[in-house]
């Protein structure tokens, strides 16, 4: 996890963050660091307010 990701996660409530696999698009839980569908560790994080 990068420094900026760690700081953002500390500042933003995890309930407001959507995590998705960059390879297959599977939605992940906030605690998942590896895709359960394809095994990729390329995970994108989006703030829920940005998606609405």
PDB file of N, CA and C in Angstrom:
ATOM      1  N   UNK A   1       0.845  -1.166   0.000  1.00  0.00           N
ATOM      2  CA  UNK A   1       0.000   0.000   0.000  1.00  0.00           C
ATOM      3  C   UNK A   1       0.890   1.228   0.000  1.00  0.00           C
ATOM      4  N   UNK A   2       0.561   2.184  -0.868  1.00  0.00           N
ATOM      5  CA  UNK A   2       1.355   3.398  -0.936  1.00  0.00           C
ATOM      6  C   UNK A   2       1.050   4.314   0.252  1.00  0.00           C
ATOM      7  N   UNK A   3       1.945   5.237   0.479  1.00  0.00           N
ATOM      8  CA  UNK A   3       1.780   6.188   1.574  1.00  0.00           C
ATOM      9  C   UNK A   3       0.492   7.000   1.399  1.00  0.00           C
ATOM     10  N   UNK A   4       0.239   7.480   0.190  1.00  0.00           N
ATOM     11  CA  UNK A   4      -0.963   8.294  -0.040  1.00  0.00           C
ATOM     12  C   UNK A   4      -2.242   7.482   0.154  1.00  0.00           C
ATOM     13  N   UNK A   5      -2.219   6.219  -0.239  1.00  0.00           N
ATOM     14  CA  UNK A   5      -3.388   5.354  -0.034  1.00  0.00           C
ATOM     15  C   UNK A   5      -3.634   5.154   1.453  1.00  0.00           C
ATOM     16  N   UNK A   6      -2.584   4.934   2.215  1.00  0.00           N
ATOM     17  CA  UNK A   6      -2.715   4.730   3.656  1.00  0.00           C
ATOM     18  C   UNK A   6      -3.288   5.977   4.336  1.00  0.00           C
ATOM     19  N   UNK A   7      -2.816   7.136   3.954  1.00  0.00           N
ATOM     20  CA  UNK A   7      -3.311   8.380   4.537  1.00  0.00           C
ATOM     21  C   UNK A   7      -4.769   8.602   4.152  1.00  0.00           C
ATOM     22  N   UNK A   8      -5.109   8.364   2.886  1.00  0.00           N
ATOM     23  CA  UNK A   8      -6.490   8.536   2.440  1.00  0.00           C
ATOM     24  C   UNK A   8      -7.422   7.603   3.190  1.00  0.00           C
ATOM     25  N   UNK A   9      -7.011   6.358   3.363  1.00  0.00           N
ATOM     26  CA  UNK A   9      -7.855   5.395   4.082  1.00  0.00           C
ATOM     27  C   UNK A   9      -8.035   5.814   5.530  1.00  0.00           C
ATOM     28  N   UNK A  10      -7.028   6.446   6.110  1.00  0.00           N
ATOM     29  CA  UNK A  10      -7.115   6.903   7.488  1.00  0.00           C
ATOM     30  C   UNK A  10      -8.081   8.080   7.587  1.00  0.00           C
ATOM     31  N   UNK A  11      -8.077   8.955   6.577  1.00  0.00           N
ATOM     32  CA  UNK A  11      -8.912  10.146   6.591  1.00  0.00           C
ATOM     33  C   UNK A  11     -10.353   9.885   6.172  1.00  0.00           C
ATOM     34  N   UNK A  12     -10.570   8.941   5.272  1.00  0.00           N
ATOM     35  CA  UNK A  12     -11.897   8.670   4.722  1.00  0.00           C
ATOM     36  C   UNK A  12     -12.460   7.423   5.391  1.00  0.00           C
ATOM     37  N   UNK A  13     -13.716   7.515   5.772  1.00  0.00           N
ATOM     38  CA  UNK A  13     -14.400   6.360   6.355  1.00  0.00           C
ATOM     39  C   UNK A  13     -14.436   5.236   5.316  1.00  0.00           C
ATOM     40  N   UNK A  14     -14.081   4.013   5.706  1.00  0.00           N
ATOM     41  CA  UNK A  14     -14.065   2.880   4.776  1.00  0.00           C
ATOM     42  C   UNK A  14     -15.427   2.621   4.138  1.00  0.00           C
ATOM     43  N   UNK A  15     -16.508   3.021   4.813  1.00  0.00           N
ATOM     44  CA  UNK A  15     -17.845   2.821   4.242  1.00  0.00           C
ATOM     45  C   UNK A  15     -18.059   3.693   3.015  1.00  0.00           C
ATOM     46  N   UNK A  16     -17.245   4.729   2.859  1.00  0.00           N
ATOM     47  CA  UNK A  16     -17.387   5.648   1.744  1.00  0.00           C
ATOM     48  C   UNK A  16     -16.455   5.309   0.584  1.00  0.00           C
ATOM     49  N   UNK A  17     -15.697   4.216   0.710  1.00  0.00           N
ATOM     50  CA  UNK A  17     -14.740   3.825  -0.320  1.00  0.00           C
ATOM     51  C   UNK A  17     -15.227   2.566  -1.033  1.00  0.00           C
ATOM     52  N   UNK A  18     -15.226   2.621  -2.357  1.00  0.00           N
ATOM     53  CA  UNK A  18     -15.580   1.466  -3.179  1.00  0.00           C
ATOM     54  C   UNK A  18     -14.286   0.909  -3.750  1.00  0.00           C
ATOM     55  N   UNK A  19     -14.079  -0.403  -3.620  1.00  0.00           N
ATOM     56  CA  UNK A  19     -12.873  -1.051  -4.132  1.00  0.00           C
ATOM     57  C   UNK A  19     -13.266  -2.000  -5.245  1.00  0.00           C
ATOM     58  N   UNK A  20     -12.488  -1.962  -6.338  1.00  0.00           N
ATOM     59  CA  UNK A  20     -12.809  -2.800  -7.481  1.00  0.00           C
ATOM     60  C   UNK A  20     -11.519  -3.281  -8.137  1.00  0.00           C
ATOM     61  N   UNK A  21     -11.569  -4.508  -8.652  1.00  0.00           N
ATOM     62  CA  UNK A  21     -10.432  -5.093  -9.356  1.00  0.00           C
ATOM     63  C   UNK A  21     -10.232  -4.356 -10.682  1.00  0.00           C
ATOM     64  N   UNK A  22      -9.018  -3.937 -10.957  1.00  0.00           N
ATOM     65  CA  UNK A  22      -8.730  -3.238 -12.207  1.00  0.00           C
ATOM     66  C   UNK A  22      -8.701  -4.188 -13.393  1.00  0.00           C
ATOM     67  N   UNK A  23      -8.527  -5.467 -13.144  1.00  0.00           N
ATOM     68  CA  UNK A  23      -8.451  -6.432 -14.240  1.00  0.00           C
ATOM     69  C   UNK A  23      -9.814  -6.958 -14.672  1.00  0.00           C
ATOM     70  N   UNK A  24     -10.653  -7.350 -13.702  1.00  0.00           N
ATOM     71  CA  UNK A  24     -11.937  -7.958 -14.080  1.00  0.00           C
ATOM     72  C   UNK A  24     -13.159  -7.160 -13.641  1.00  0.00           C
ATOM     73  N   UNK A  25     -12.982  -6.112 -12.821  1.00  0.00           N
ATOM     74  CA  UNK A  25     -14.092  -5.259 -12.419  1.00  0.00           C
ATOM     75  C   UNK A  25     -14.908  -5.747 -11.242  1.00  0.00           C
ATOM     76  N   UNK A  26     -14.474  -6.822 -10.592  1.00  0.00           N
ATOM     77  CA  UNK A  26     -15.203  -7.354  -9.440  1.00  0.00           C
ATOM     78  C   UNK A  26     -15.155  -6.361  -8.284  1.00  0.00           C
ATOM     79  N   UNK A  27     -16.318  -6.109  -7.656  1.00  0.00           N
ATOM     80  CA  UNK A  27     -16.378  -5.244  -6.482  1.00  0.00           C
ATOM     81  C   UNK A  27     -15.843  -6.010  -5.280  1.00  0.00           C
ATOM     82  N   UNK A  28     -15.027  -5.344  -4.467  1.00  0.00           N
ATOM     83  CA  UNK A  28     -14.382  -5.990  -3.336  1.00  0.00           C
ATOM     84  C   UNK A  28     -14.775  -5.330  -2.022  1.00  0.00           C
ATOM     85  N   UNK A  29     -14.594  -6.071  -0.954  1.00  0.00           N
ATOM     86  CA  UNK A  29     -14.808  -5.540   0.381  1.00  0.00           C
ATOM     87  C   UNK A  29     -13.624  -4.629   0.736  1.00  0.00           C
ATOM     88  N   UNK A  30     -13.818  -3.684   1.668  1.00  0.00           N
ATOM     89  CA  UNK A  30     -12.722  -2.781   2.046  1.00  0.00           C
ATOM     90  C   UNK A  30     -11.491  -3.505   2.596  1.00  0.00           C
ATOM     91  N   UNK A  31     -11.663  -4.708   3.084  1.00  0.00           N
ATOM     92  CA  UNK A  31     -10.534  -5.449   3.662  1.00  0.00           C
ATOM     93  C   UNK A  31      -9.820  -6.338   2.655  1.00  0.00           C
ATOM     94  N   UNK A  32     -10.372  -6.464   1.443  1.00  0.00           N
ATOM     95  CA  UNK A  32      -9.766  -7.325   0.427  1.00  0.00           C
ATOM     96  C   UNK A  32      -8.626  -6.600  -0.278  1.00  0.00           C
ATOM     97  N   UNK A  33      -7.465  -7.247  -0.340  1.00  0.00           N
ATOM     98  CA  UNK A  33      -6.295  -6.685  -1.028  1.00  0.00           C
ATOM     99  C   UNK A  33      -5.935  -7.506  -2.245  1.00  0.00           C
ATOM    100  N   UNK A  34      -6.735  -8.535  -2.518  1.00  0.00           N
ATOM    101  CA  UNK A  34      -6.539  -9.400  -3.682  1.00  0.00           C
ATOM    102  C   UNK A  34      -7.912  -9.774  -4.205  1.00  0.00           C
ATOM    103  N   UNK A  35      -8.080  -9.746  -5.525  1.00  0.00           N
ATOM    104  CA  UNK A  35      -9.377 -10.075  -6.125  1.00  0.00           C
ATOM    105  C   UNK A  35      -9.714 -11.542  -5.882  1.00  0.00           C
ATOM    106  N   UNK A  36     -10.926 -11.773  -5.430  1.00  0.00           N
ATOM    107  CA  UNK A  36     -11.371 -13.135  -5.164  1.00  0.00           C
ATOM    108  C   UNK A  36     -11.727 -13.887  -6.446  1.00  0.00           C
ATOM    109  N   UNK A  37     -11.985 -13.142  -7.529  1.00  0.00           N
ATOM    110  CA  UNK A  37     -12.361 -13.772  -8.792  1.00  0.00           C
ATOM    111  C   UNK A  37     -11.168 -14.162  -9.646  1.00  0.00           C
ATOM    112  N   UNK A  38     -10.226 -13.217  -9.831  1.00  0.00           N
ATOM    113  CA  UNK A  38      -9.118 -13.485 -10.754  1.00  0.00           C
ATOM    114  C   UNK A  38      -7.744 -13.526 -10.076  1.00  0.00           C
ATOM    115  N   UNK A  39      -7.674 -13.151  -8.791  1.00  0.00           N
ATOM    116  CA  UNK A  39      -6.415 -13.225  -8.060  1.00  0.00           C
ATOM    117  C   UNK A  39      -5.509 -12.008  -8.230  1.00  0.00           C
ATOM    118  N   UNK A  40      -5.954 -11.002  -8.964  1.00  0.00           N
ATOM    119  CA  UNK A  40      -5.138  -9.810  -9.200  1.00  0.00           C
ATOM    120  C   UNK A  40      -4.989  -8.990  -7.920  1.00  0.00           C
ATOM    121  N   UNK A  41      -3.854  -8.326  -7.794  1.00  0.00           N
ATOM    122  CA  UNK A  41      -3.629  -7.402  -6.690  1.00  0.00           C
ATOM    123  C   UNK A  41      -3.749  -5.955  -7.155  1.00  0.00           C
ATOM    124  N   UNK A  42      -4.156  -5.765  -8.405  1.00  0.00           N
ATOM    125  CA  UNK A  42      -4.367  -4.421  -8.956  1.00  0.00           C
ATOM    126  C   UNK A  42      -5.781  -3.975  -8.580  1.00  0.00           C
ATOM    127  N   UNK A  43      -5.884  -3.240  -7.477  1.00  0.00           N
ATOM    128  CA  UNK A  43      -7.170  -2.845  -6.928  1.00  0.00           C
ATOM    129  C   UNK A  43      -7.313  -1.332  -6.995  1.00  0.00           C
ATOM    130  N   UNK A  44      -8.432  -0.868  -7.513  1.00  0.00           N
ATOM    131  CA  UNK A  44      -8.728   0.565  -7.578  1.00  0.00           C
ATOM    132  C   UNK A  44      -9.642   0.933  -6.416  1.00  0.00           C
ATOM    133  N   UNK A  45      -9.456   2.142  -5.887  1.00  0.00           N
ATOM    134  CA  UNK A  45     -10.311   2.658  -4.826  1.00  0.00           C
ATOM    135  C   UNK A  45     -10.953   3.946  -5.303  1.00  0.00           C
ATOM    136  N   UNK A  46     -12.265   4.065  -5.089  1.00  0.00           N
ATOM    137  CA  UNK A  46     -13.001   5.260  -5.446  1.00  0.00           C
ATOM    138  C   UNK A  46     -13.820   5.706  -4.260  1.00  0.00           C
ATOM    139  N   UNK A  47     -13.918   7.002  -4.048  1.00  0.00           N
ATOM    140  CA  UNK A  47     -14.805   7.513  -3.021  1.00  0.00           C
ATOM    141  C   UNK A  47     -16.228   7.407  -3.545  1.00  0.00           C
ATOM    142  N   UNK A  48     -17.116   6.909  -2.706  1.00  0.00           N
ATOM    143  CA  UNK A  48     -18.504   6.702  -3.113  1.00  0.00           C
ATOM    144  C   UNK A  48     -19.130   8.012  -3.566  1.00  0.00           C
ATOM    145  N   UNK A  49     -18.803   9.139  -2.975  1.00  0.00           N
ATOM    146  CA  UNK A  49     -19.397  10.422  -3.342  1.00  0.00           C
ATOM    147  C   UNK A  49     -19.033  10.809  -4.775  1.00  0.00           C
ATOM    148  N   UNK A  50     -17.887  10.370  -5.279  1.00  0.00           N
ATOM    149  CA  UNK A  50     -17.467  10.657  -6.642  1.00  0.00           C
ATOM    150  C   UNK A  50     -18.318   9.881  -7.635  1.00  0.00           C
ATOM    151  N   UNK A  51     -18.780   8.704  -7.249  1.00  0.00           N
ATOM    152  CA  UNK A  51     -19.545   7.841  -8.136  1.00  0.00           C
ATOM    153  C   UNK A  51     -21.015   8.228  -8.222  1.00  0.00           C
ATOM    154  N   UNK A  52     -21.491   9.017  -7.267  1.00  0.00           N
ATOM    155  CA  UNK A  52     -22.921   9.365  -7.243  1.00  0.00           C
ATOM    156  C   UNK A  52     -23.209  10.570  -8.083  1.00  0.00           C
TER     157      UNK A  52
END
